[in-house]
Amino acid sequence: MARDTAPRLLRQFKPSPDIAASDGKVGNLILRSLPRKESSLLFPEMEFVRLMLHQVLHEPGEVIRSGYFLNSGLGSLLTTHPDGKTVEVGLTGNEGFIGLPVIFGFKTSALRVVTQGDGTAYRVEIGTLLRMLPRCPELERQLQRFSMLLGMQSTQLAACNRLHDVTERLARWLLMSHDRIGGTVLPLTQEFLAQMLGSRRASVTGAAGILQRAGAIEYSRGSVGIVNRAKLEESSCDCYVAIERQKKRWLVEAN
């Protein structure tokens, strides 16, 4: 997997507060929610980053030096084991932020964070972000809310990985990815899916075959196409619905 090569990929992007707050160029939902005053403080301090497939943004135990407001694309949060095996415990797209431990006073990441597909993000140095938070109460509130949503998601995924078979989990994973990427074709290999689901490659191959025969997906080398979302939802475990239901409930309560 490629390590974070952000300095080589960066180009400065400093939109005016009006553009940052209102037009469609900013895809990150946290940034779009900010009042004009906070946008005017934050956007000049960020850099627009192009992210590559399987780019590693954070490693467990390493100091978090940069945070990422995903604008497009997908980030997987992985727990790693001494034998090198990984299991996905969280998934975020343009609704979130990568680098949450620093918001609560921690300096290092407990997880590996890897991009899934090419994407873009607004990158901010952690020292800069921490200096900004006292002056940006809405930003701090949105980051704290997202941390709760991600924690709830991780709790559900822990139960999912223990209780449900690989076909149900694969369907759930594809639904969550589809929600965040939007496209119907996902650039995925069997090996990478096996790492995400904590399963053997042969098990993922079998699960993909079941979903393909059900008419939910089309699987080819290196990509998965979603051809019938309704059938994919029928094949998924209840965890997808549980996550979405709780997320909607909390968003209503918060507003």
Foldseek 3Di string as FASTA:
>chain_A
DAEDPFVVFWDADADQLVCQQDDDPAQQPLSNPFDSVLSNLPRNQWIKGKDAAFYKQAAAPDFRFKKWQFRAFKKFWWAADPVGFIETLFMDASDAMGDLVVLVPDGHDRTIITTFHIGMTIMHTSVSVVVSCVVGVSSSVSSVVVVVLRVVSSVLVVVCLVPDAPLQVVLLVLVVNCVRNVAQKGQDALVVSCRHSVHDSVSSVVSLVVCVVQVQWDDDHRMIGGDDNVSSVVRHDCSNVVSVVVVVVVVVVVD
